[in-house]
Protein backbone atom coordinates (compact mmCIF):
# COMPACT_ATOMS: atom_id res chain seq x y z
CA MET A 1 195.26 176.82 224.29
CA ALA A 2 194.74 173.80 226.09
CA ASN A 3 193.04 172.37 223.61
CA ALA A 4 195.96 172.97 221.23
CA PRO A 5 197.84 169.71 221.28
CA HIS A 6 194.60 168.10 220.40
CA PHE A 7 193.91 170.41 217.31
CA LEU A 8 197.43 169.76 216.10
CA VAL A 9 197.00 165.86 216.49
CA LEU A 10 193.65 166.15 214.52
CA ALA A 11 195.20 168.35 212.12
CA ARG A 12 198.08 165.76 211.70
CA PHE A 13 195.42 162.95 210.86
CA GLY A 14 193.41 164.88 208.79
CA ALA A 15 196.59 165.71 206.54
CA ILE A 16 197.82 162.32 206.61
CA GLY A 17 193.65 161.13 205.50
CA ILE A 18 193.94 163.87 202.71
CA GLY A 19 197.25 162.88 201.52
CA GLY A 20 196.36 159.19 201.68
CA ILE A 21 193.10 160.28 199.01
CA ILE A 22 195.52 162.01 196.92
CA LEU A 23 197.92 159.02 196.83
CA GLY A 24 195.37 156.28 196.56
CA GLY A 25 193.88 158.48 193.54
CA ILE A 26 197.14 158.32 191.83
CA LEU A 27 198.04 154.78 192.27
CA ILE A 28 194.21 154.30 190.74
CA LEU A 29 195.09 156.32 187.92
CA ALA A 30 198.51 154.44 187.35
CA GLY A 31 196.70 151.21 187.29
CA CYS A 32 193.49 151.60 185.51
CA GLN A 33 195.20 154.17 182.76
CA SER A 34 194.57 151.61 180.31
CA SER A 35 190.55 151.70 180.73
CA LEU A 36 190.90 155.35 180.41
CA ILE A 37 193.09 155.56 177.21
CA TYR A 38 191.33 152.55 175.53
CA PHE A 39 187.40 151.60 174.75
CA PRO A 40 187.43 148.60 172.89
CA ARG A 41 184.30 146.91 171.46
CA SER A 42 183.59 144.00 169.11
CA TYR A 43 182.35 144.50 165.70
CA PRO A 44 178.39 144.30 165.35
CA ASP A 45 177.00 142.08 162.57
CA ARG A 46 175.49 144.87 160.48
CA LEU A 47 178.83 146.66 160.17
CA LEU A 48 180.54 143.18 158.98
CA ALA A 49 177.62 142.56 156.77
CA ASP A 50 177.91 146.00 154.87
CA ALA A 51 181.43 146.01 154.87
CA HIS A 52 181.18 142.25 153.09
CA ALA A 53 178.28 143.69 150.83
CA ALA A 54 181.22 146.36 149.75
CA GLY A 55 183.57 143.80 148.72
CA VAL A 56 185.98 144.09 151.87
CA ILE A 57 188.25 140.81 152.35
CA PRO A 58 189.20 140.26 155.86
CA ILE A 59 193.02 139.83 156.26
CA LEU A 60 193.82 137.39 158.82
CA PHE A 61 197.30 137.62 160.89
CA GLU A 62 198.94 136.90 164.07
CA THR A 63 201.04 138.82 166.49
CA THR A 64 202.72 138.40 169.84
CA GLN A 65 198.86 138.96 171.37
CA GLY A 66 196.98 136.19 169.34
CA LYS A 67 194.99 136.35 166.34
CA GLN A 68 194.28 139.39 164.41
CA VAL A 69 191.97 140.37 161.82
CA ALA A 70 192.18 143.55 159.91
CA HIS A 71 190.07 144.77 156.40
CA PHE A 72 190.88 145.44 153.01
CA LEU A 73 188.93 147.31 150.46
CA PRO A 74 190.47 146.97 146.88
CA HIS A 75 190.69 149.16 144.39
CA LYS A 76 187.55 149.27 141.89
CA LYS A 77 189.42 150.30 138.76
CA PRO A 78 193.07 148.54 137.87
CA PRO A 79 195.53 151.59 138.34
CA GLN A 80 197.65 152.64 135.37
CA HIS A 81 201.14 152.62 137.21
CA ALA A 82 201.15 152.12 140.83
CA THR A 83 198.41 151.34 143.00
CA SER A 84 197.53 154.06 146.10
CA LEU A 85 196.83 152.28 149.41
CA TRP A 86 195.46 153.96 152.63
CA MET A 87 195.80 152.83 155.64
CA ILE A 88 193.07 153.85 158.22
CA THR A 89 193.77 153.92 162.04
CA ALA A 90 190.74 155.24 164.29
CA GLY A 91 189.90 156.93 167.41
CA ASN A 92 190.48 155.37 170.82
CA GLY A 93 186.59 154.87 170.99
CA SER A 94 185.94 153.73 167.33
CA LEU A 95 186.82 150.85 164.85
CA ALA A 96 188.56 150.91 161.70
CA LEU A 97 185.70 150.04 159.72
CA ASP A 98 183.46 152.73 161.18
CA TYR A 99 185.54 154.92 158.42
CA LEU A 100 184.15 152.60 155.47
CA GLU A 101 181.41 154.91 154.58
CA HIS A 102 184.13 157.61 154.22
CA ALA A 103 186.25 155.21 152.18
CA MET A 104 183.48 154.16 149.82
CA ARG A 105 183.21 157.80 148.88
CA TRP A 106 186.86 158.23 148.43
CA GLN A 107 186.74 155.24 146.14
CA ASN A 108 184.18 156.56 144.26
CA GLU A 109 186.19 159.60 143.76
CA HIS A 110 189.44 157.48 143.08
CA PRO A 111 188.63 154.25 142.10
CA ALA A 112 192.14 153.10 141.94
CA ALA A 113 192.86 153.57 145.55
CA SER A 114 192.69 150.96 147.97
CA PHE A 115 192.09 150.87 152.05
CA LEU A 116 193.81 148.60 154.94
CA PHE A 117 191.51 149.06 158.11
CA VAL A 118 193.70 148.10 160.78
CA ASP A 119 192.30 147.66 164.23
CA TYR A 120 194.14 147.44 167.49
CA PRO A 121 194.82 144.64 169.83
CA GLY A 122 191.48 143.65 171.70
CA TYR A 123 189.22 145.91 169.35
CA GLY A 124 186.91 144.24 167.15
CA ASP A 125 188.10 140.71 165.87
CA CYS A 126 191.54 141.17 166.98
CA GLN A 127 192.49 139.43 170.23
CA GLY A 128 195.25 140.74 173.16
CA HIS A 129 195.50 144.34 174.93
CA PRO A 130 196.31 147.85 173.03
CA ASP A 131 199.60 149.79 173.91
CA PRO A 132 201.93 151.72 171.94
CA SER A 133 204.16 148.47 171.49
CA THR A 134 201.41 146.04 170.51
CA ILE A 135 199.52 148.75 168.30
CA THR A 136 202.64 149.44 166.46
CA GLU A 137 203.31 145.49 165.77
CA ASN A 138 199.74 145.48 164.32
CA LEU A 139 200.25 148.23 162.09
CA ARG A 140 203.63 146.55 160.65
CA ALA A 141 202.00 142.88 160.44
CA ALA A 142 199.07 143.78 158.81
CA HIS A 143 200.61 145.61 156.36
CA ASN A 144 203.34 143.18 155.39
CA HIS A 145 200.87 140.45 155.37
CA LEU A 146 199.15 142.19 152.61
CA THR A 147 201.69 143.41 150.38
CA THR A 148 203.34 139.88 150.69
CA SER A 149 200.38 138.39 149.21
CA GLU A 150 199.04 137.87 145.60
CA ILE A 151 196.12 140.52 146.80
CA ILE A 152 198.71 143.08 145.98
CA ASN A 153 201.64 142.53 143.49
CA GLN A 154 202.40 146.06 141.63
CA PRO A 155 204.41 149.17 143.42
CA ILE A 156 202.72 150.64 145.90
CA HIS A 157 202.09 154.65 147.14
CA LEU A 158 201.12 154.04 150.68
CA GLY A 159 199.10 156.85 153.04
CA CYS A 160 198.04 157.00 156.26
CA PHE A 161 195.15 158.26 157.34
CA GLY A 162 194.24 158.66 161.01
CA HIS A 163 191.78 160.35 163.43
CA SER A 164 192.89 161.14 167.35
CA LEU A 165 194.46 158.47 168.65
CA GLY A 166 194.96 156.71 165.16
CA ALA A 167 196.44 159.98 163.85
CA ALA A 168 199.42 158.94 166.62
CA ALA A 169 198.62 155.53 164.94
CA ALA A 170 199.12 156.99 161.57
CA LEU A 171 202.53 158.59 162.07
CA ILE A 172 204.10 155.30 163.58
CA ALA A 173 202.87 153.63 160.19
CA ALA A 174 204.20 156.60 158.05
CA GLU A 175 207.65 156.73 159.96
CA GLN A 176 208.17 152.60 159.68
CA LEU A 177 206.68 151.82 156.32
CA GLU A 178 207.70 155.12 154.60
CA ALA A 179 204.21 156.69 153.78
CA ASP A 180 204.00 159.32 150.90
CA ARG A 181 201.17 161.20 152.10
CA VAL A 182 200.11 161.14 156.12
CA ILE A 183 196.48 163.25 156.86
CA LEU A 184 196.35 163.82 160.41
CA VAL A 185 192.62 164.56 161.91
CA SER A 186 192.24 165.94 165.32
CA PRO A 187 195.84 165.03 166.25
CA PHE A 188 197.33 165.74 169.75
CA THR A 189 201.18 166.53 170.31
CA SER A 190 201.82 163.84 172.71
CA MET A 191 199.59 161.63 175.31
CA THR A 192 201.31 163.18 177.98
CA ASP A 193 199.99 166.80 176.88
CA MET A 194 196.33 165.15 176.87
CA ALA A 195 197.06 163.46 180.75
CA GLU A 196 197.94 166.66 181.77
CA VAL A 197 195.34 168.75 180.34
CA GLN A 198 192.70 166.21 181.80
CA PHE A 199 194.27 165.84 184.87
CA GLY A 200 196.71 168.26 185.68
CA LYS A 201 200.72 168.61 185.68
CA TRP A 202 201.44 165.37 187.79
CA ALA A 203 199.22 162.92 185.62
CA GLY A 204 202.33 162.91 183.15
CA TYR A 205 204.95 161.59 185.13
CA ILE A 206 202.79 158.44 185.87
CA LEU A 207 201.83 157.70 182.18
CA ARG A 208 203.17 154.25 180.75
CA HIS A 209 201.36 154.96 177.27
CA HIS A 210 203.37 157.19 175.43
CA PHE A 211 202.36 158.31 171.75
CA ASP A 212 204.51 161.26 170.99
CA ASN A 213 203.22 162.87 167.77
CA ARG A 214 206.13 165.33 168.12
CA ALA A 215 208.82 162.79 167.93
CA ARG A 216 207.13 161.18 164.87
CA MET A 217 207.04 164.26 163.13
CA GLN A 218 210.99 165.07 163.75
CA GLU A 219 211.22 161.62 162.65
CA LEU A 220 209.32 162.08 159.27
CA ALA A 221 211.22 165.38 158.83
CA CYS A 222 214.25 163.62 158.11
CA ARG A 223 212.87 162.70 154.84
CA ASP A 224 211.89 164.92 152.15
CA ASP A 225 209.65 162.80 150.25
CA VAL A 226 206.66 162.63 152.78
CA GLU A 227 203.57 165.09 152.94
CA VAL A 228 201.63 165.98 155.67
CA ILE A 229 198.36 167.38 156.05
CA ILE A 230 196.37 168.15 159.38
CA PHE A 231 192.62 168.77 160.13
CA HIS A 232 191.61 169.90 163.31
CA GLY A 233 188.17 171.58 164.60
CA LYS A 234 188.09 175.02 166.18
CA SER A 235 185.86 173.62 168.67
CA ASP A 236 187.17 170.62 169.39
CA ARG A 237 186.86 170.14 173.51
CA ILE A 238 188.67 167.10 173.65
CA VAL A 239 192.05 167.72 171.74
CA PRO A 240 192.72 171.88 171.50
CA ALA A 241 193.47 172.64 168.02
CA GLU A 242 196.32 174.42 169.43
CA MET A 243 198.52 170.93 169.11
CA SER A 244 197.83 170.85 165.71
CA GLU A 245 198.60 174.43 164.82
CA GLU A 246 201.90 173.58 166.91
CA LEU A 247 202.90 170.43 165.05
CA ALA A 248 201.86 172.55 161.54
CA ARG A 249 204.46 175.35 162.74
CA SER A 250 207.12 172.96 164.00
CA HIS A 251 207.06 171.54 160.37
CA PRO A 252 206.43 174.24 157.62
CA LYS A 253 208.03 172.12 154.35
CA MET A 254 206.36 168.80 155.60
CA VAL A 255 203.02 169.95 156.46
CA SER A 256 201.56 170.96 153.17
CA ALA A 257 198.35 172.16 154.72
CA LEU A 258 196.12 173.07 158.12
CA HIS A 259 192.82 173.10 158.02
CA LEU A 260 191.15 174.71 160.92
CA THR A 261 187.62 174.33 160.59
CA ARG A 262 185.21 176.28 162.70
CA ARG A 263 182.37 175.25 164.73
CA ALA A 264 183.67 171.33 163.98
CA GLY A 265 184.26 169.37 167.03
CA HIS A 266 186.32 166.51 167.90
CA ASN A 267 184.67 164.05 165.87
CA SER A 268 182.34 166.44 163.81
CA ILE A 269 185.23 167.34 161.80
CA LEU A 270 185.11 164.23 159.68
CA LYS A 271 182.02 165.82 158.52
CA LYS A 272 182.38 169.17 158.28
CA ALA A 273 185.95 168.79 156.59
CA ASP A 274 184.60 165.81 154.48
CA HIS A 275 185.04 167.67 151.19
CA SER A 276 188.59 168.91 151.96
CA ILE A 277 189.58 165.52 153.43
CA SER A 278 188.60 163.70 150.04
CA GLU A 279 190.64 166.02 148.11
CA ALA A 280 193.63 164.97 150.50
CA VAL A 281 193.15 161.73 149.97
CA THR A 282 192.09 161.26 146.20
CA ARG A 283 194.84 163.78 145.01
CA PRO A 284 197.30 161.79 142.73
CA PHE A 285 200.83 161.17 144.61
CA SER A 286 203.72 163.15 143.05
CA HIS A 287 206.09 160.63 142.67
């Protein structure tokens, strides 16, 4: 018993030490969360060469983040009425032109479709730093620059296609630019939910990058002229398929289809559901 006070002192210091480690970890996570969410990279020369060979046109514009570059793949065949323009937004570790091969296959089936590949600030040839506000700025500015130029000079049916983080960007673009159809691949319910899945309940309280797909879906549901189609792999170990199920279940009138693909993961869903995704992109717009 004589050693009890010494034991209590050691226990107290031990508790302080553990608490300091935990607090330090929280502070590090709070300060470095951008590097945990975004993985920007530049375009390799090979991909830019492939894009040039495919007839892709660079779209240059500026935002508060500096000089930005999007990429536009014009239609192969002039449309009879309104052209369909698909805005493509990528996952957090991808570039928009990583989806060029998919878009070219879709265009072979629907020659009147055109595609606008929008990168986030800091990605590809874009300056700046990504966050929800700067990404939103890029989406609006790229679309406005294209549609107010002489490149497109006829009515447009706008579609938004996004994978993973790009699904959140697609929903933002769809709401702000009044898209007719939205295709979401491997979407999450919210970035807060994802932080809690990855790090625990406490992580949601310090998150600064709020992408809320629930809220965006609710805003879209106020319209009666937009269609949402969702694809998710049942074997997705990054974003649980239950998140797509929740989004679809909450908006049965707006979500025309939920495709859950067996033995498909977070990225392999793009290949394994390619036929169904292609049908969703190339199907004529109803109005």
